[in-house]
Amino acid sequence: LHVGVRMRSGHTSANPTSSSTMETMNTNADLLKELRIDRKAAPSPSRRGLWVGLAIAAIIALIAVAVVFLRSGRQGIEVQTSEVTAIGSGGSGTTVLDATGYVVARRMATVSSKVTGRVREILIEEGQRVEAGQIMATLDPVDADAQRALAYSQLEAARSQAGSLQAQLKEAEANASRLGQLVGQKLVSRQQYEQAIAARDSLRAQLDAARYNTQVTNDSLHIADLGVDNTTVRAPFAGVVIAKAAQPGEIVSPLSAGGGFTRTGIGTIVDMDSLEVEVDVGESFIGRVQPKMPIEATLNAYPDWKIPGEVIAIIPTADR
C-alpha cells in the first residue's frame, strides 16, 4: 500500500495548523490503523475445522497402538527368518579370493629301468595311454640271460652232488648196520664197526651241506630271474605318456653315470585322474582360505567352462 502525502507549496503562514492540514493527517492515521493485525481475533472457521480433524486422527492412532501393544503382550508375534546370502555374480555369493595357478598332476613319474643296459625296444609314444604293468620298453637281456644260465648250472650241480651223497649215505648206513650185528657176534673187530659209524656220520654232514648249497643256488637262480625281469620296463600305474626320453640303442641307467650320453629314464607318465590346481596365495590373503572351501576354476583354453571343486590342502611354504 503506497500512501501518498501531498504537500502544498507557497509562502509559510504564521499559523501552521490549518483546517485542511488536520483533515489530511486524520485520514492517514485511520489508514495505518487498518493495516494493524489484531492477534486476539478468533481464527477463521476453515482453519478451526482442520485442527479439530487432526486432533481426532491423533486420538484414533493412539488407540490403535494401545490395542496392538495389549495383544502383543498376550501372545508372541510370528515372524519368518531366512538365511542371509551375499549377492555376487550369479547370486551364489561373493568372491573371497581370485588366484592364478597351474593344473598339475599329483601322480607323475619318470619311469626308468632298475639296471643299467642298452635299450632294445621302445613301445610307447607321446599321448599314448598305458595301463598298470604294461611293458614300456625292453633292454638287451644278454648279460642277464648269461647270469641266469650260470645260476641254473650251479643249482643243477648242487642237486647232483646232493644226490650222490644221498646214495653214499644209504650205503654207509647199511654197512654200519651190518657191522653192528657182526661185532655182537665177535666176527669183526670193534674198530671196523667204529670206522663204519664215522663214515656214516660224515656222509650225513656232507649231505646236509649239499642240501644247504642247493638252497643257496636256488636263491641265486631266483635273483638271476629278477635280473632278467628287470630288463623289461613296465608302467607303475595307469596314465598317459607325456614324454619319451630314450630311443633304441641308447644306454639307460637308474643312476647318472656322469656322461652326456646316458639316459636316466624311458618316459614320463601322468595319472590324469589325479589332476589338481596349484595356486600361490600371498601372505596378506592366506587367512581367507580354509580347507574344504568351495572353489570355481576356469581354464584359459575354455573360459566358459566353470569347474567346481574344493580346497584340498594348504601347504605352508614361502619363497623370498
Protein backbone atom coordinates (compact mmCIF):
# COMPACT_ATOMS: atom_id res chain seq x y z
CA LEU A 1 0.00 0.00 0.00
CA HIS A 2 1.53 3.20 -1.12
CA VAL A 3 0.48 6.24 0.85
CA GLY A 4 0.95 9.48 -0.97
CA VAL A 5 1.14 12.70 1.02
CA ARG A 6 0.73 15.80 -0.99
CA MET A 7 2.37 18.93 0.42
CA ARG A 8 1.08 22.32 -0.51
CA SER A 9 3.63 24.76 -1.92
CA GLY A 10 3.67 28.55 -1.21
CA HIS A 11 4.74 31.01 1.44
CA THR A 12 4.86 29.85 5.08
CA SER A 13 1.97 31.12 7.13
CA ALA A 14 2.23 32.15 10.74
CA ASN A 15 -0.46 29.54 11.72
CA PRO A 16 0.94 26.07 10.68
CA THR A 17 -2.15 24.08 11.72
CA SER A 18 -4.78 24.95 9.22
CA SER A 19 -8.07 23.02 8.94
CA SER A 20 -7.20 21.28 5.65
CA THR A 21 -3.92 20.02 7.03
CA MET A 22 -5.58 18.48 10.11
CA GLU A 23 -8.09 16.61 7.99
CA THR A 24 -5.33 15.07 5.90
CA MET A 25 -3.42 13.78 8.96
CA ASN A 26 -6.57 12.21 10.44
CA THR A 27 -7.21 10.34 7.22
CA ASN A 28 -3.66 8.92 7.13
CA ALA A 29 -3.90 7.73 10.74
CA ASP A 30 -7.10 5.85 10.01
CA LEU A 31 -5.47 4.12 7.06
CA LEU A 32 -2.49 2.98 9.17
CA LYS A 33 -4.83 1.58 11.87
CA GLU A 34 -6.50 -0.62 9.25
CA LEU A 35 -3.11 -2.22 8.47
CA ARG A 36 -2.54 -3.31 12.14
CA ILE A 37 -3.04 -7.10 12.89
CA ASP A 38 -5.38 -7.94 15.77
CA ARG A 39 -3.87 -11.08 17.42
CA LYS A 40 -6.85 -11.51 19.77
CA ALA A 41 -9.20 -12.13 16.91
CA ALA A 42 -10.69 -15.67 16.55
CA PRO A 43 -9.40 -17.96 13.70
CA SER A 44 -11.41 -18.41 10.58
CA PRO A 45 -13.96 -21.26 10.50
CA SER A 46 -11.98 -23.25 7.84
CA ARG A 47 -8.75 -23.43 9.95
CA ARG A 48 -10.69 -24.36 13.07
CA GLY A 49 -12.13 -27.48 11.33
CA LEU A 50 -8.66 -28.53 10.16
CA TRP A 51 -7.25 -28.51 13.69
CA VAL A 52 -10.21 -30.50 15.01
CA GLY A 53 -9.73 -33.18 12.33
CA LEU A 54 -6.04 -33.57 13.09
CA ALA A 55 -6.78 -33.96 16.79
CA ILE A 56 -9.36 -36.72 16.14
CA ALA A 57 -6.92 -38.61 13.84
CA ALA A 58 -4.17 -38.48 16.51
CA ILE A 59 -6.55 -39.91 19.13
CA ILE A 60 -7.56 -42.79 16.83
CA ALA A 61 -3.88 -43.60 16.12
CA LEU A 62 -3.09 -43.70 19.82
CA ILE A 63 -6.00 -46.07 20.45
CA ALA A 64 -4.80 -48.43 17.66
CA VAL A 65 -1.24 -48.50 19.06
CA ALA A 66 -2.59 -49.31 22.52
CA VAL A 67 -4.65 -52.22 21.16
CA VAL A 68 -1.66 -53.72 19.28
CA PHE A 69 0.52 -53.34 22.38
CA LEU A 70 -2.04 -55.14 24.55
CA ARG A 71 -2.38 -58.02 22.05
CA SER A 72 1.39 -58.44 21.70
CA GLY A 73 1.73 -58.73 25.47
CA ARG A 74 -0.61 -61.73 25.47
CA GLN A 75 0.88 -63.73 22.55
CA GLY A 76 4.18 -63.55 20.62
CA ILE A 77 4.33 -62.04 17.18
CA GLU A 78 5.07 -64.66 14.48
CA VAL A 79 7.98 -63.85 12.17
CA GLN A 80 9.72 -65.73 9.34
CA THR A 81 13.50 -65.99 9.10
CA SER A 82 15.60 -66.64 6.02
CA GLU A 83 19.27 -67.34 5.50
CA VAL A 84 21.30 -64.31 4.54
CA THR A 85 23.29 -64.83 1.35
CA ALA A 86 25.82 -62.45 -0.15
CA ILE A 87 24.92 -61.08 -3.53
CA GLY A 88 27.56 -61.79 -6.14
CA SER A 89 27.88 -62.93 -9.70
CA GLY A 90 25.06 -65.32 -10.39
CA GLY A 91 23.62 -64.79 -6.92
CA SER A 92 25.69 -67.61 -5.40
CA GLY A 93 27.99 -65.49 -3.25
CA THR A 94 30.79 -63.03 -3.35
CA THR A 95 34.29 -63.99 -4.41
CA VAL A 96 36.61 -64.36 -1.43
CA LEU A 97 39.85 -64.53 -3.41
CA ASP A 98 40.98 -64.60 -7.04
CA ALA A 99 44.21 -66.57 -7.57
CA THR A 100 46.10 -67.75 -10.64
CA GLY A 101 47.85 -71.11 -10.82
CA TYR A 102 48.51 -74.19 -12.90
CA VAL A 103 46.86 -77.54 -13.46
CA VAL A 104 49.29 -80.19 -12.17
CA ALA A 105 49.12 -83.93 -11.51
CA ARG A 106 49.61 -85.39 -8.07
CA ARG A 107 50.86 -88.69 -9.58
CA MET A 108 53.54 -88.19 -12.20
CA ALA A 109 56.62 -90.38 -12.66
CA THR A 110 59.59 -90.62 -14.96
CA VAL A 111 59.92 -94.37 -15.43
CA SER A 112 63.41 -95.86 -15.60
CA SER A 113 64.94 -99.32 -15.54
CA LYS A 114 66.31 -100.91 -12.39
CA VAL A 115 69.56 -101.94 -14.07
CA THR A 116 71.97 -100.36 -16.50
CA GLY A 117 71.60 -101.65 -20.03
CA ARG A 118 71.17 -100.91 -23.69
CA VAL A 119 67.67 -100.15 -24.94
CA ARG A 120 66.47 -102.81 -27.35
CA GLU A 121 62.88 -101.70 -27.99
CA ILE A 122 60.64 -98.71 -27.08
CA LEU A 123 56.92 -99.49 -27.00
CA ILE A 124 55.47 -96.08 -26.07
CA GLU A 125 54.71 -92.80 -27.81
CA GLU A 126 53.69 -89.36 -26.58
CA GLY A 127 49.97 -89.17 -25.88
CA GLN A 128 49.58 -92.93 -25.55
CA ARG A 129 47.56 -94.28 -22.62
CA VAL A 130 49.15 -97.17 -20.72
CA GLU A 131 47.78 -99.48 -18.05
CA ALA A 132 49.47 -100.54 -14.83
CA GLY A 133 52.05 -103.25 -15.57
CA GLN A 134 52.11 -102.62 -19.32
CA ILE A 135 55.53 -103.02 -20.96
CA MET A 136 57.01 -99.68 -21.94
CA ALA A 137 60.47 -100.76 -23.12
CA THR A 138 62.89 -103.70 -23.10
CA LEU A 139 66.66 -103.75 -22.58
CA ASP A 140 69.23 -106.06 -24.09
CA PRO A 141 68.99 -109.21 -21.87
CA VAL A 142 72.25 -110.85 -22.94
CA ASP A 143 74.08 -110.30 -19.66
CA ALA A 144 71.03 -111.14 -17.56
CA ASP A 145 70.39 -114.33 -19.52
CA ALA A 146 74.03 -115.40 -19.08
CA GLN A 147 73.84 -114.80 -15.34
CA ARG A 148 70.66 -116.81 -15.12
CA ALA A 149 72.16 -119.67 -17.09
CA LEU A 150 75.14 -119.74 -14.73
CA ALA A 151 72.88 -119.78 -11.69
CA TYR A 152 70.86 -122.63 -13.17
CA SER A 153 74.01 -124.67 -13.83
CA GLN A 154 75.17 -124.15 -10.27
CA LEU A 155 71.81 -125.32 -8.99
CA GLU A 156 71.95 -128.46 -11.09
CA ALA A 157 75.49 -129.19 -9.85
CA ALA A 158 74.38 -128.77 -6.23
CA ARG A 159 71.44 -131.07 -6.78
CA SER A 160 73.68 -133.69 -8.39
CA GLN A 161 76.13 -133.54 -5.52
CA ALA A 162 73.33 -133.90 -3.01
CA GLY A 163 72.03 -136.95 -4.88
CA SER A 164 75.46 -138.59 -4.88
CA LEU A 165 75.89 -138.01 -1.17
CA GLN A 166 72.41 -139.38 -0.57
CA ALA A 167 73.39 -142.65 -2.28
CA GLN A 168 76.69 -142.87 -0.39
CA LEU A 169 74.92 -142.24 2.91
CA LYS A 170 72.45 -145.02 2.17
CA GLU A 171 75.32 -147.46 1.59
CA ALA A 172 77.18 -146.28 4.72
CA GLU A 173 74.08 -146.73 6.87
CA ALA A 174 73.62 -150.29 5.58
CA ASN A 175 77.29 -151.09 6.20
CA ALA A 176 77.20 -149.70 9.73
CA SER A 177 74.06 -151.72 10.50
CA ARG A 178 75.61 -154.94 9.20
CA LEU A 179 78.85 -154.42 11.10
CA GLY A 180 76.84 -153.73 14.24
CA GLN A 181 75.37 -157.22 14.04
CA LEU A 182 78.72 -158.84 13.33
CA VAL A 183 80.51 -157.08 16.16
CA GLY A 184 77.93 -158.51 18.53
CA GLN A 185 78.81 -161.99 17.32
CA LYS A 186 82.55 -161.31 17.66
CA LEU A 187 83.01 -161.81 13.91
CA VAL A 188 84.51 -158.36 13.22
CA SER A 189 86.58 -156.10 15.32
CA ARG A 190 85.24 -153.18 17.23
CA GLN A 191 87.48 -150.84 15.26
CA GLN A 192 85.89 -151.74 11.92
CA TYR A 193 82.46 -151.04 13.31
CA GLU A 194 83.51 -147.65 14.65
CA GLN A 195 85.03 -146.71 11.28
CA ALA A 196 81.75 -147.55 9.58
CA ILE A 197 79.83 -145.39 12.07
CA ALA A 198 82.24 -142.46 11.47
CA ALA A 199 81.90 -142.76 7.68
CA ARG A 200 78.10 -142.78 8.00
CA ASP A 201 78.06 -139.64 10.17
CA SER A 202 80.44 -137.84 7.83
CA LEU A 203 78.22 -138.56 4.83
CA ARG A 204 75.23 -137.27 6.75
CA ALA A 205 77.03 -133.97 7.43
CA GLN A 206 78.10 -133.68 3.80
CA LEU A 207 74.54 -134.32 2.64
CA ASP A 208 73.22 -131.56 4.89
CA ALA A 209 75.80 -129.15 3.46
CA ALA A 210 74.93 -130.19 -0.09
CA ARG A 211 71.24 -129.60 0.57
CA TYR A 212 72.01 -126.16 2.02
CA ASN A 213 74.16 -125.38 -1.00
CA THR A 214 71.30 -126.41 -3.24
CA GLN A 215 69.02 -123.95 -1.48
CA VAL A 216 71.57 -121.18 -1.89
CA THR A 217 71.98 -121.83 -5.59
CA ASN A 218 68.21 -121.93 -5.93
CA ASP A 219 68.04 -118.44 -4.40
CA SER A 220 70.77 -117.31 -6.79
CA LEU A 221 68.68 -118.57 -9.68
CA HIS A 222 65.70 -116.60 -8.37
CA ILE A 223 67.84 -113.45 -8.23
CA ALA A 224 69.01 -114.14 -11.78
CA ASP A 225 65.37 -114.41 -12.86
CA LEU A 226 64.74 -111.00 -11.32
CA GLY A 227 67.71 -109.65 -13.26
CA VAL A 228 66.16 -110.89 -16.48
CA ASP A 229 62.81 -109.40 -15.49
CA ASN A 230 64.48 -106.06 -14.74
CA THR A 231 65.37 -105.75 -18.41
CA THR A 232 61.65 -105.21 -19.02
CA VAL A 233 60.40 -101.73 -18.04
CA ARG A 234 56.71 -101.64 -17.03
CA ALA A 235 54.33 -98.83 -16.18
CA PRO A 236 53.92 -98.42 -12.40
CA PHE A 237 50.36 -97.08 -12.73
CA ALA A 238 47.81 -96.27 -15.39
CA GLY A 239 48.24 -92.94 -17.11
CA VAL A 240 49.14 -91.03 -20.25
CA VAL A 241 52.65 -90.79 -21.68
CA ILE A 242 53.65 -87.12 -21.94
CA ALA A 243 57.34 -87.60 -22.86
CA LYS A 244 59.54 -90.28 -24.39
CA ALA A 245 63.09 -89.88 -23.13
CA ALA A 246 65.02 -92.76 -24.77
CA GLN A 247 65.47 -94.40 -28.12
CA PRO A 248 66.60 -97.91 -29.14
CA GLY A 249 70.36 -98.33 -28.90
CA GLU A 250 70.88 -95.84 -26.07
CA ILE A 251 72.25 -96.74 -22.66
CA VAL A 252 69.90 -96.16 -19.74
CA SER A 253 70.83 -96.25 -16.08
CA PRO A 254 68.88 -95.62 -12.86
CA LEU A 255 71.83 -93.52 -11.67
CA SER A 256 73.56 -90.74 -13.52
CA ALA A 257 76.82 -92.02 -14.95
CA GLY A 258 78.24 -88.51 -15.26
CA GLY A 259 78.27 -88.51 -19.05
CA GLY A 260 76.00 -86.83 -21.54
CA PHE A 261 75.09 -89.99 -23.46
CA THR A 262 73.48 -91.99 -20.65
CA ARG A 263 69.74 -91.68 -20.23
CA THR A 264 68.17 -91.88 -16.79
CA GLY A 265 64.59 -92.53 -17.88
CA ILE A 266 62.47 -94.21 -20.50
CA GLY A 267 59.45 -91.91 -20.42
CA THR A 268 57.16 -89.83 -18.21
CA ILE A 269 53.58 -90.83 -17.49
CA VAL A 270 50.86 -88.83 -15.73
CA ASP A 271 47.80 -90.09 -13.90
CA MET A 272 45.02 -87.94 -15.36
CA ASP A 273 42.69 -88.92 -12.52
CA SER A 274 44.90 -87.04 -10.03
CA LEU A 275 44.80 -83.60 -11.65
CA GLU A 276 44.55 -80.62 -9.31
CA VAL A 277 45.01 -76.85 -9.43
CA GLU A 278 48.02 -75.44 -7.59
CA VAL A 279 48.00 -71.70 -6.88
CA ASP A 280 50.23 -69.32 -4.96
CA VAL A 281 48.44 -67.16 -2.39
CA GLY A 282 50.11 -64.13 -0.84
CA GLU A 283 50.54 -63.82 2.90
CA SER A 284 48.03 -60.97 3.01
CA PHE A 285 45.22 -63.22 1.69
CA ILE A 286 46.09 -66.69 3.00
CA GLY A 287 43.88 -66.11 6.04
CA ARG A 288 40.83 -66.09 3.77
CA VAL A 289 41.42 -69.65 2.56
CA GLN A 290 40.20 -72.65 4.57
CA PRO A 291 40.25 -76.42 3.83
CA LYS A 292 37.12 -77.81 2.16
CA MET A 293 36.24 -74.29 0.94
CA PRO A 294 34.36 -74.45 -2.40
CA ILE A 295 36.16 -73.04 -5.41
CA GLU A 296 35.42 -72.44 -9.08
CA ALA A 297 38.23 -72.93 -11.58
CA THR A 298 38.33 -71.51 -15.09
CA LEU A 299 40.81 -72.58 -17.75
CA ASN A 300 42.30 -70.12 -20.19
CA ALA A 301 41.60 -72.53 -23.04
CA TYR A 302 37.93 -72.93 -22.03
CA PRO A 303 36.78 -69.66 -20.40
CA ASP A 304 33.09 -70.70 -20.45
CA TRP A 305 33.73 -73.95 -18.56
CA LYS A 306 33.24 -73.37 -14.82
CA ILE A 307 34.82 -76.27 -12.93
CA PRO A 308 33.57 -76.69 -9.35
CA GLY A 309 35.93 -78.01 -6.69
CA GLU A 310 37.16 -77.54 -3.15
CA VAL A 311 40.39 -76.70 -1.31
CA ILE A 312 42.31 -79.96 -0.74
CA ALA A 313 45.13 -78.69 1.43
CA ILE A 314 47.05 -75.55 2.35
CA ILE A 315 50.81 -76.09 2.11
CA PRO A 316 52.66 -73.61 4.39
CA THR A 317 55.62 -72.77 2.18
CA ALA A 318 57.10 -69.38 1.33
CA ASP A 319 59.64 -68.01 -1.10
CA ARG A 320 61.80 -64.92 -0.92
